[in-house]
Amino acid sequence: MGASCQSCKSAFADQFFARDYWISAKLRIDQLLGQKESNGVYLCQDNYLIEIPEAPDQAVLGRTLTAMKNFAVQHDDLRMTAMIVPNASLRHARLPAKNAPAHNQQEDLFAVNQTLSPCMQYADVTQALKAHVKDGVFYRTDHHWTSLGAYCAFDASAELLGIEMPITNYRVHVLTNSFEGTLASKSGKHTAEDTITAYEPLGTDVSYYVLYDSTQEKAGSVFVDSALDTKDKYTVFFGGNHPLVTIKTTANNGKILLIFKDSYANSFVPFLIPYYQQIVMIDPRYYYDDVEQLMTQRGVTDVLFLYNLSTFLRRYRACGYAGCVELTRGISAWISPKAAQTASRPPFLQGVYRKNRHDLGHACFFRRNSPAQTLRLCCYRSVSVTMRAICSAPSFGSCVSCAESILSAARAS
């Protein structure tokens, strides 16, 4: 019921007439009353907007970290690195005087570092960002880091990533001076605009092209100019998020990098291009094919988990690769797409059918009707493929607890 109500609330908010106007009007009233926060966003000095940090669900975070550690153990022959990035709340000097962060992200980052460090490298970029915080490593109106922030993180982590003699000379291009990001829309505060820049490396002859695997479209640049004419100008990097993106270069060094990522990686990856023969970017929120098979086919030598901490704690835990891989193995061991075609199926499975091949891969959809909700499970073709358990009616939000319920019901059957 809660998921359904939340879904209706989100749909209503998206379609509400003159939504931005009413949010801005509410903001003006709140500011007159002395409020320093609007809709989960701190209203800070110098027109900075900062997303209020949230405390993680420790049980879910523990499962995610355990799955990542298990993944690292299974691939201990690869150079594996995790980079979990704080948001702009580290700009303590700009936070409202009477409003300390709702949650201290440094504690979460420390816990993640301590848990992952024994089994993979951990790239701690917090101090590098803090050192340049006054130079603009985060946008004023958006939750992402800027290209400068991404460069600072790259410079701090290059040695850990095995990059020798990283490029230090760049030509900086201004792509737009009129970027208003997600936090401006969310808070209703439209008093500042941001600049998006692109860094062109100098002194390298490495060329590349980008392949968007789901559509097989190719591009000669990571930048999509048409995005600068849209509201979300940050999508100038790769045109936004995609299930799978491959960058092939002329750096004939045999290094193949696989990145599990969110949108923070979109402005970071351009700095990596001169140092890898191939870069494979997976966004687990949208990718459902066989990761293990992909790694074998591409001959992956390096792995990087790159996430903003807020995404890592909130979304990645629910639908990302690490958060679901253990449950996937359990369900895949019990039933596979091939087994689903047979007549001997547990009684709780109804309406099983086979989908045709499409850009998400072969899938079987299982439906179980219950008084409380409908559970639908997408079980993809692999022993360790990313799986998504869906709370329907009518939202499409991922939920690990639903996967556990399905697995329990399967075993009971």
Protein backbone atom coordinates (compact mmCIF):
# COMPACT_ATOMS: atom_id res chain seq x y z
CA MET A 1 0.00 0.00 0.00
CA GLY A 2 2.84 2.33 0.91
CA ALA A 3 4.58 1.76 -2.42
CA SER A 4 1.35 2.37 -4.28
CA CYS A 5 0.65 5.62 -2.44
CA GLN A 6 4.20 6.81 -2.99
CA SER A 7 3.93 6.02 -6.69
CA CYS A 8 0.66 7.96 -6.98
CA LYS A 9 2.25 10.85 -5.09
CA SER A 10 5.20 10.91 -7.50
CA ALA A 11 2.95 10.73 -10.55
CA PHE A 12 0.76 13.53 -9.18
CA ALA A 13 3.81 15.68 -8.49
CA ASP A 14 5.17 15.17 -12.00
CA GLN A 15 1.88 16.14 -13.66
CA PHE A 16 0.67 18.83 -11.27
CA PHE A 17 -0.27 21.99 -13.14
CA ALA A 18 2.40 24.72 -12.82
CA ARG A 19 4.32 22.53 -10.38
CA ASP A 20 7.50 24.65 -10.48
CA TYR A 21 5.49 27.81 -9.82
CA TRP A 22 3.87 26.38 -6.70
CA ILE A 23 7.17 25.01 -5.41
CA SER A 24 8.77 28.44 -5.85
CA ALA A 25 5.81 30.12 -4.18
CA LYS A 26 6.06 27.78 -1.19
CA LEU A 27 9.80 28.47 -1.03
CA ARG A 28 9.24 32.23 -0.82
CA ILE A 29 6.82 31.75 2.06
CA ASP A 30 9.20 29.37 3.85
CA GLN A 31 12.07 31.83 3.48
CA LEU A 32 9.96 34.64 4.92
CA LEU A 33 9.40 32.36 7.91
CA GLY A 34 13.14 31.83 8.25
CA GLN A 35 13.34 28.33 6.82
CA LYS A 36 16.78 27.26 5.55
CA GLU A 37 15.65 24.08 3.86
CA SER A 38 13.23 23.27 1.03
CA ASN A 39 12.06 19.83 -0.02
CA GLY A 40 15.16 18.02 1.23
CA VAL A 41 17.61 20.67 0.02
CA TYR A 42 19.66 23.06 2.16
CA LEU A 43 19.50 26.70 1.04
CA CYS A 44 23.10 27.75 1.61
CA GLN A 45 25.33 30.79 1.30
CA ASP A 46 26.20 32.20 -2.12
CA ASN A 47 23.14 30.52 -3.66
CA TYR A 48 24.54 27.03 -3.12
CA LEU A 49 21.98 24.23 -2.90
CA ILE A 50 23.04 21.06 -1.08
CA GLU A 51 21.11 17.82 -0.88
CA ILE A 52 20.46 16.86 2.74
CA PRO A 53 22.32 13.60 3.50
CA GLU A 54 20.25 10.64 4.66
CA ALA A 55 21.22 7.89 7.08
CA PRO A 56 21.64 4.49 5.40
CA ASP A 57 19.73 1.33 6.11
CA GLN A 58 22.58 -0.55 7.78
CA ALA A 59 21.17 -3.99 7.00
CA VAL A 60 20.85 -3.23 3.28
CA LEU A 61 24.23 -1.51 3.16
CA GLY A 62 25.75 -4.56 4.82
CA ARG A 63 24.31 -6.84 2.14
CA THR A 64 25.62 -4.60 -0.62
CA LEU A 65 29.13 -4.48 0.83
CA THR A 66 29.14 -8.24 1.43
CA ALA A 67 28.15 -8.88 -2.18
CA MET A 68 30.89 -6.54 -3.41
CA LYS A 69 33.45 -8.33 -1.26
CA ASN A 70 32.32 -11.70 -2.60
CA PHE A 71 32.60 -10.36 -6.14
CA ALA A 72 36.14 -9.19 -5.40
CA VAL A 73 37.11 -12.58 -3.98
CA GLN A 74 35.80 -14.33 -7.10
CA HIS A 75 37.86 -12.01 -9.30
CA ASP A 76 41.00 -11.62 -7.20
CA ASP A 77 43.11 -11.70 -10.36
CA LEU A 78 41.77 -8.29 -11.44
CA ARG A 79 42.79 -4.83 -10.28
CA MET A 80 39.65 -3.78 -8.43
CA THR A 81 38.95 -0.33 -7.01
CA ALA A 82 36.01 1.33 -5.29
CA MET A 83 35.47 5.09 -5.38
CA ILE A 84 32.50 6.27 -3.34
CA VAL A 85 32.15 10.05 -3.55
CA PRO A 86 30.62 12.37 -0.93
CA ASN A 87 28.14 15.01 -1.99
CA ALA A 88 28.45 18.75 -1.48
CA SER A 89 27.56 18.50 2.22
CA LEU A 90 31.31 18.43 2.86
CA ARG A 91 31.10 22.18 2.19
CA HIS A 92 30.38 22.76 5.90
CA ALA A 93 31.28 26.44 5.68
CA ARG A 94 28.35 27.08 3.35
CA LEU A 95 25.71 25.17 5.27
CA PRO A 96 22.99 27.20 7.02
CA ALA A 97 24.32 28.29 10.41
CA LYS A 98 21.54 26.64 12.42
CA ASN A 99 21.29 23.52 10.31
CA ALA A 100 24.10 20.99 10.56
CA PRO A 101 23.88 18.06 8.12
CA ALA A 102 21.07 15.65 8.99
CA HIS A 103 23.61 12.87 8.72
CA ASN A 104 27.42 12.86 8.65
CA GLN A 105 28.52 11.22 5.40
CA GLN A 106 32.09 10.93 6.65
CA GLU A 107 30.99 8.17 9.02
CA ASP A 108 29.42 6.25 6.15
CA LEU A 109 32.48 6.71 3.94
CA PHE A 110 34.76 5.53 6.73
CA ALA A 111 32.62 2.42 7.28
CA VAL A 112 32.60 1.62 3.54
CA ASN A 113 36.38 2.14 3.36
CA GLN A 114 37.02 -0.13 6.33
CA THR A 115 34.78 -2.87 4.95
CA LEU A 116 36.06 -2.89 1.36
CA SER A 117 39.77 -2.15 1.86
CA PRO A 118 40.77 -5.73 2.79
CA CYS A 119 39.52 -7.11 -0.53
CA MET A 120 39.88 -4.25 -3.01
CA GLN A 121 41.57 -0.89 -3.38
CA TYR A 122 39.64 2.06 -2.01
CA ALA A 123 40.11 5.45 -3.66
CA ASP A 124 39.37 8.03 -0.97
CA VAL A 125 38.88 11.30 -2.86
CA THR A 126 37.29 13.28 -0.02
CA GLN A 127 40.41 15.24 0.91
CA ALA A 128 41.16 16.03 -2.74
CA LEU A 129 37.68 17.51 -3.12
CA LYS A 130 37.92 19.41 0.17
CA ALA A 131 41.22 20.96 -0.90
CA HIS A 132 39.54 22.55 -3.93
CA VAL A 133 36.06 23.07 -2.57
CA LYS A 134 36.29 26.86 -2.96
CA ASP A 135 37.25 26.44 -6.62
CA GLY A 136 33.90 24.84 -7.46
CA VAL A 137 34.13 21.06 -7.35
CA PHE A 138 30.33 20.85 -7.00
CA TYR A 139 27.63 22.67 -8.91
CA ARG A 140 25.57 25.29 -7.10
CA THR A 141 22.25 24.02 -8.42
CA ASP A 142 22.85 20.31 -9.07
CA HIS A 143 23.76 17.22 -7.05
CA HIS A 144 26.67 16.24 -9.31
CA TRP A 145 30.31 17.19 -9.06
CA THR A 146 31.70 19.50 -11.71
CA SER A 147 34.31 18.56 -14.29
CA LEU A 148 36.85 20.16 -11.97
CA GLY A 149 35.67 17.91 -9.16
CA ALA A 150 35.98 14.88 -11.42
CA TYR A 151 39.50 15.94 -12.40
CA CYS A 152 40.54 16.37 -8.76
CA ALA A 153 39.28 12.86 -8.04
CA PHE A 154 41.11 11.48 -11.08
CA ASP A 155 44.35 13.19 -10.09
CA ALA A 156 44.07 11.77 -6.56
CA SER A 157 43.30 8.21 -7.71
CA ALA A 158 45.44 7.83 -10.85
CA GLU A 159 48.29 6.03 -9.12
CA LEU A 160 45.89 3.66 -7.38
CA LEU A 161 44.28 2.88 -10.74
CA GLY A 162 47.68 1.94 -12.15
CA ILE A 163 47.98 5.00 -14.37
CA GLU A 164 51.59 6.04 -14.81
CA MET A 165 52.47 9.62 -15.72
CA PRO A 166 48.91 10.98 -15.87
CA ILE A 167 48.29 13.97 -18.10
CA THR A 168 48.43 17.28 -16.24
CA ASN A 169 47.89 19.73 -19.11
CA TYR A 170 44.35 20.34 -20.32
CA ARG A 171 42.52 22.90 -22.38
CA VAL A 172 39.25 23.79 -20.63
CA HIS A 173 36.23 24.47 -22.83
CA VAL A 174 33.07 26.13 -21.55
CA LEU A 175 30.06 24.22 -22.86
CA THR A 176 27.34 26.34 -21.24
CA ASN A 177 26.91 29.05 -18.63
CA SER A 178 23.18 28.48 -18.14
CA PHE A 179 22.86 25.15 -16.37
CA GLU A 180 20.15 24.83 -13.72
CA GLY A 181 20.33 21.44 -12.07
CA THR A 182 18.11 19.02 -10.21
CA LEU A 183 18.43 20.76 -6.83
CA ALA A 184 17.11 24.02 -8.28
CA SER A 185 14.03 22.19 -9.55
CA LYS A 186 13.60 20.23 -6.34
CA SER A 187 13.92 23.22 -4.01
CA GLY A 188 12.21 25.82 -6.20
CA LYS A 189 15.17 28.19 -5.83
CA HIS A 190 16.17 29.62 -9.21
CA THR A 191 18.65 32.36 -8.36
CA ALA A 192 21.86 30.95 -9.85
CA GLU A 193 23.14 29.23 -12.96
CA ASP A 194 26.11 26.91 -13.33
CA THR A 195 28.87 26.51 -15.89
CA ILE A 196 29.59 23.13 -17.45
CA THR A 197 33.11 22.64 -18.76
CA ALA A 198 34.96 19.99 -20.75
CA TYR A 199 38.64 19.12 -20.29
CA GLU A 200 40.64 18.41 -23.45
CA PRO A 201 43.86 16.49 -22.68
CA LEU A 202 46.98 17.87 -24.32
CA GLY A 203 50.02 15.89 -25.37
CA THR A 204 48.27 12.62 -26.25
CA ASP A 205 47.60 11.09 -29.66
CA VAL A 206 45.08 8.50 -28.39
CA SER A 207 41.82 8.62 -30.31
CA TYR A 208 38.57 6.83 -29.54
CA TYR A 209 34.96 6.23 -30.38
CA VAL A 210 31.90 5.51 -28.22
CA LEU A 211 29.54 2.59 -28.80
CA TYR A 212 26.09 2.66 -27.18
CA ASP A 213 25.60 -1.10 -27.09
CA SER A 214 21.81 -1.21 -26.63
CA THR A 215 21.23 0.75 -29.85
CA GLN A 216 24.54 -0.01 -31.62
CA GLU A 217 24.96 3.70 -32.27
CA LYS A 218 28.51 5.02 -32.56
CA ALA A 219 29.80 8.49 -31.74
CA GLY A 220 33.15 10.17 -32.11
CA SER A 221 32.89 12.02 -28.80
CA VAL A 222 31.67 11.49 -25.24
CA PHE A 223 29.92 14.86 -25.50
CA VAL A 224 26.38 15.17 -26.90
CA ASP A 225 25.92 18.77 -28.02
CA SER A 226 22.15 18.51 -28.40
CA ALA A 227 21.85 18.01 -24.62
CA LEU A 228 22.84 21.65 -24.13
CA ASP A 229 19.46 22.64 -25.57
CA THR A 230 17.56 20.61 -22.96
CA LYS A 231 16.70 21.26 -19.33
CA ASP A 232 19.11 18.66 -17.99
CA LYS A 233 22.31 19.92 -19.53
CA TYR A 234 24.43 17.55 -17.46
CA THR A 235 23.42 14.89 -19.99
CA VAL A 236 25.94 16.51 -22.33
CA PHE A 237 28.16 13.72 -20.96
CA PHE A 238 27.23 10.60 -22.95
CA GLY A 239 23.67 11.85 -23.40
CA GLY A 240 22.80 10.66 -19.88
CA ASN A 241 22.75 7.16 -18.41
CA HIS A 242 22.68 3.97 -20.49
CA PRO A 243 22.68 0.27 -19.63
CA LEU A 244 25.97 -0.41 -21.39
CA VAL A 245 28.44 1.90 -23.08
CA THR A 246 31.78 0.89 -24.61
CA ILE A 247 34.67 3.20 -25.38
CA LYS A 248 37.28 1.77 -27.74
CA THR A 249 40.60 3.58 -28.07
CA THR A 250 43.88 3.36 -29.96
CA ALA A 251 45.79 2.83 -26.70
CA ASN A 252 47.00 -0.64 -27.59
CA ASN A 253 48.04 -1.63 -24.05
CA GLY A 254 45.69 -4.55 -23.33
CA LYS A 255 44.03 -2.79 -20.39
CA ILE A 256 40.24 -3.30 -20.33
CA LEU A 257 38.37 -1.38 -17.62
CA LEU A 258 34.88 -2.33 -16.43
CA ILE A 259 33.05 0.38 -14.49
CA PHE A 260 29.95 -0.15 -12.37
CA LYS A 261 28.62 3.38 -12.13
CA ASP A 262 26.01 6.04 -11.63
CA SER A 263 25.86 9.43 -13.33
CA TYR A 264 28.86 10.76 -11.35
CA ALA A 265 31.04 8.61 -13.59
CA ASN A 266 29.80 10.32 -16.74
CA SER A 267 32.01 13.36 -16.20
CA PHE A 268 34.87 11.28 -14.72
CA VAL A 269 35.33 8.70 -17.47
CA PRO A 270 36.65 11.20 -20.08
CA PHE A 271 39.80 11.56 -17.95
CA LEU A 272 40.41 7.79 -18.18
CA ILE A 273 40.23 7.44 -21.96
CA PRO A 274 43.96 7.86 -22.84
CA TYR A 275 44.99 5.03 -20.48
CA TYR A 276 42.83 2.07 -21.49
CA GLN A 277 42.38 0.11 -24.69
CA GLN A 278 38.70 -0.30 -23.84
CA ILE A 279 36.37 1.08 -21.18
CA VAL A 280 33.09 -0.74 -20.51
CA MET A 281 30.52 1.24 -18.52
CA ILE A 282 27.62 -0.58 -16.85
CA ASP A 283 24.81 1.19 -15.04
CA PRO A 284 23.26 -1.63 -12.95
CA ARG A 285 20.00 0.28 -12.67
CA TYR A 286 19.34 -0.43 -16.35
CA TYR A 287 21.60 -3.37 -17.27
CA TYR A 288 20.21 -6.92 -16.99
CA ASP A 289 22.47 -9.09 -19.11
CA ASP A 290 25.11 -11.56 -17.94
CA VAL A 291 27.92 -9.58 -16.31
CA GLU A 292 30.18 -12.60 -15.92
CA GLN A 293 29.83 -13.48 -19.59
CA LEU A 294 30.51 -9.88 -20.59
CA MET A 295 33.67 -9.81 -18.48
CA THR A 296 34.93 -12.97 -20.15
CA GLN A 297 34.08 -11.79 -23.66
CA ARG A 298 35.78 -8.43 -23.21
CA GLY A 299 38.80 -9.77 -21.34
CA VAL A 300 38.40 -7.36 -18.42
CA THR A 301 41.63 -6.57 -16.54
CA ASP A 302 40.45 -3.80 -14.21
CA VAL A 303 37.20 -3.05 -12.34
CA LEU A 304 36.05 0.25 -10.84
CA PHE A 305 32.96 0.82 -8.70
CA LEU A 306 32.25 4.56 -8.99
CA TYR A 307 29.24 5.96 -7.14
CA ASN A 308 28.12 9.05 -5.36
CA LEU A 309 27.49 8.06 -1.75
CA SER A 310 23.84 9.15 -1.80
CA THR A 311 23.15 6.93 -4.82
CA PHE A 312 25.17 4.09 -3.32
CA LEU A 313 23.12 4.16 -0.12
CA ARG A 314 19.71 4.86 -1.62
CA ARG A 315 19.35 3.42 -5.14
CA TYR A 316 22.29 1.11 -5.67
CA ARG A 317 21.31 -0.97 -2.67
CA ALA A 318 17.95 -1.75 -4.25
CA CYS A 319 18.62 -2.45 -7.89
CA GLY A 320 22.36 -2.49 -8.42
CA TYR A 321 24.51 -5.47 -9.27
CA ALA A 322 26.10 -5.92 -5.85
CA GLY A 323 22.86 -5.49 -3.95
CA CYS A 324 21.11 -8.28 -5.82
CA VAL A 325 23.74 -10.72 -7.02
CA GLU A 326 23.48 -13.03 -3.98
CA LEU A 327 19.70 -13.34 -4.32
CA THR A 328 20.15 -13.84 -8.04
CA ARG A 329 22.39 -16.80 -7.49
CA GLY A 330 19.87 -18.34 -5.11
CA ILE A 331 16.95 -17.95 -7.50
CA SER A 332 18.95 -18.94 -10.58
CA ALA A 333 20.05 -22.12 -8.83
CA TRP A 334 16.40 -22.94 -8.20
CA ILE A 335 14.96 -22.14 -11.62
CA SER A 336 16.40 -20.95 -14.93
CA PRO A 337 14.77 -19.56 -18.09
CA LYS A 338 15.21 -23.00 -19.65
CA ALA A 339 13.45 -24.69 -16.73
CA ALA A 340 10.64 -22.17 -16.94
CA GLN A 341 9.67 -23.59 -20.33
CA THR A 342 8.93 -27.00 -18.83
CA ALA A 343 5.54 -28.09 -17.52
CA SER A 344 6.73 -28.85 -13.99
CA ARG A 345 6.46 -25.54 -12.23
CA PRO A 346 5.66 -24.72 -8.61
CA PRO A 347 1.96 -23.86 -8.18
CA PHE A 348 2.60 -20.24 -7.21
CA LEU A 349 3.94 -19.40 -10.68
CA GLN A 350 1.20 -18.03 -12.93
CA GLY A 351 1.31 -16.69 -16.45
CA VAL A 352 4.90 -17.66 -17.17
CA TYR A 353 5.90 -16.64 -20.65
CA ARG A 354 9.03 -16.23 -22.72
CA LYS A 355 10.04 -12.82 -24.00
CA ASN A 356 11.72 -12.37 -27.33
CA ARG A 357 15.31 -11.21 -27.48
CA HIS A 358 15.57 -7.46 -26.96
CA ASP A 359 18.10 -5.01 -25.63
CA LEU A 360 17.58 -6.18 -22.04
CA GLY A 361 18.24 -9.82 -22.85
CA HIS A 362 16.28 -13.04 -22.50
CA ALA A 363 13.87 -12.86 -19.58
CA CYS A 364 11.12 -14.80 -17.88
CA PHE A 365 8.44 -12.93 -16.01
CA PHE A 366 6.84 -14.57 -13.02
CA ARG A 367 3.68 -13.27 -11.43
CA ARG A 368 2.18 -14.15 -8.10
CA ASN A 369 -1.08 -12.55 -6.99
CA SER A 370 -1.58 -11.99 -3.27
CA PRO A 371 -4.01 -9.90 -1.20
CA ALA A 372 -1.34 -7.33 -0.46
CA GLN A 373 0.46 -6.86 -3.76
CA THR A 374 1.61 -8.44 -7.01
CA LEU A 375 5.17 -9.63 -7.12
CA ARG A 376 6.90 -9.84 -10.44
CA LEU A 377 10.34 -11.27 -10.84
CA CYS A 378 12.62 -10.83 -13.80
CA CYS A 379 15.02 -13.76 -13.69
CA TYR A 380 17.72 -13.29 -16.29
CA ARG A 381 19.84 -15.84 -18.02
CA SER A 382 22.81 -16.39 -15.78
CA VAL A 383 23.90 -17.89 -12.51
CA SER A 384 25.06 -14.47 -11.39
CA VAL A 385 23.21 -11.99 -13.55
CA THR A 386 21.68 -8.86 -12.17
CA MET A 387 18.11 -9.49 -11.08
CA ARG A 388 15.37 -7.04 -10.29
CA ALA A 389 12.47 -7.77 -7.97
CA ILE A 390 9.61 -5.41 -8.58
CA CYS A 391 6.95 -4.06 -6.24
CA SER A 392 4.16 -3.38 -8.71
CA ALA A 393 0.72 -1.76 -8.25
CA PRO A 394 1.60 0.41 -10.04
CA SER A 395 5.14 1.57 -9.25
CA PHE A 396 8.26 0.18 -10.85
CA GLY A 397 10.53 0.56 -7.84
CA SER A 398 13.07 -2.12 -7.03
CA CYS A 399 12.93 -3.88 -3.69
CA VAL A 400 15.30 -6.49 -2.34
CA SER A 401 12.79 -7.57 0.30
CA CYS A 402 10.41 -8.64 -2.48
CA ALA A 403 13.15 -10.81 -3.97
CA GLU A 404 13.60 -12.43 -0.58
CA SER A 405 9.85 -13.06 -0.36
CA ILE A 406 9.85 -14.68 -3.79
CA LEU A 407 12.85 -16.82 -2.96
CA SER A 408 11.25 -17.97 0.29
CA ALA A 409 8.01 -18.81 -1.50
CA ALA A 410 9.93 -20.70 -4.15
CA ARG A 411 11.73 -22.80 -1.58
CA ALA A 412 8.47 -23.44 0.29
CA SER A 413 6.89 -24.70 -2.91
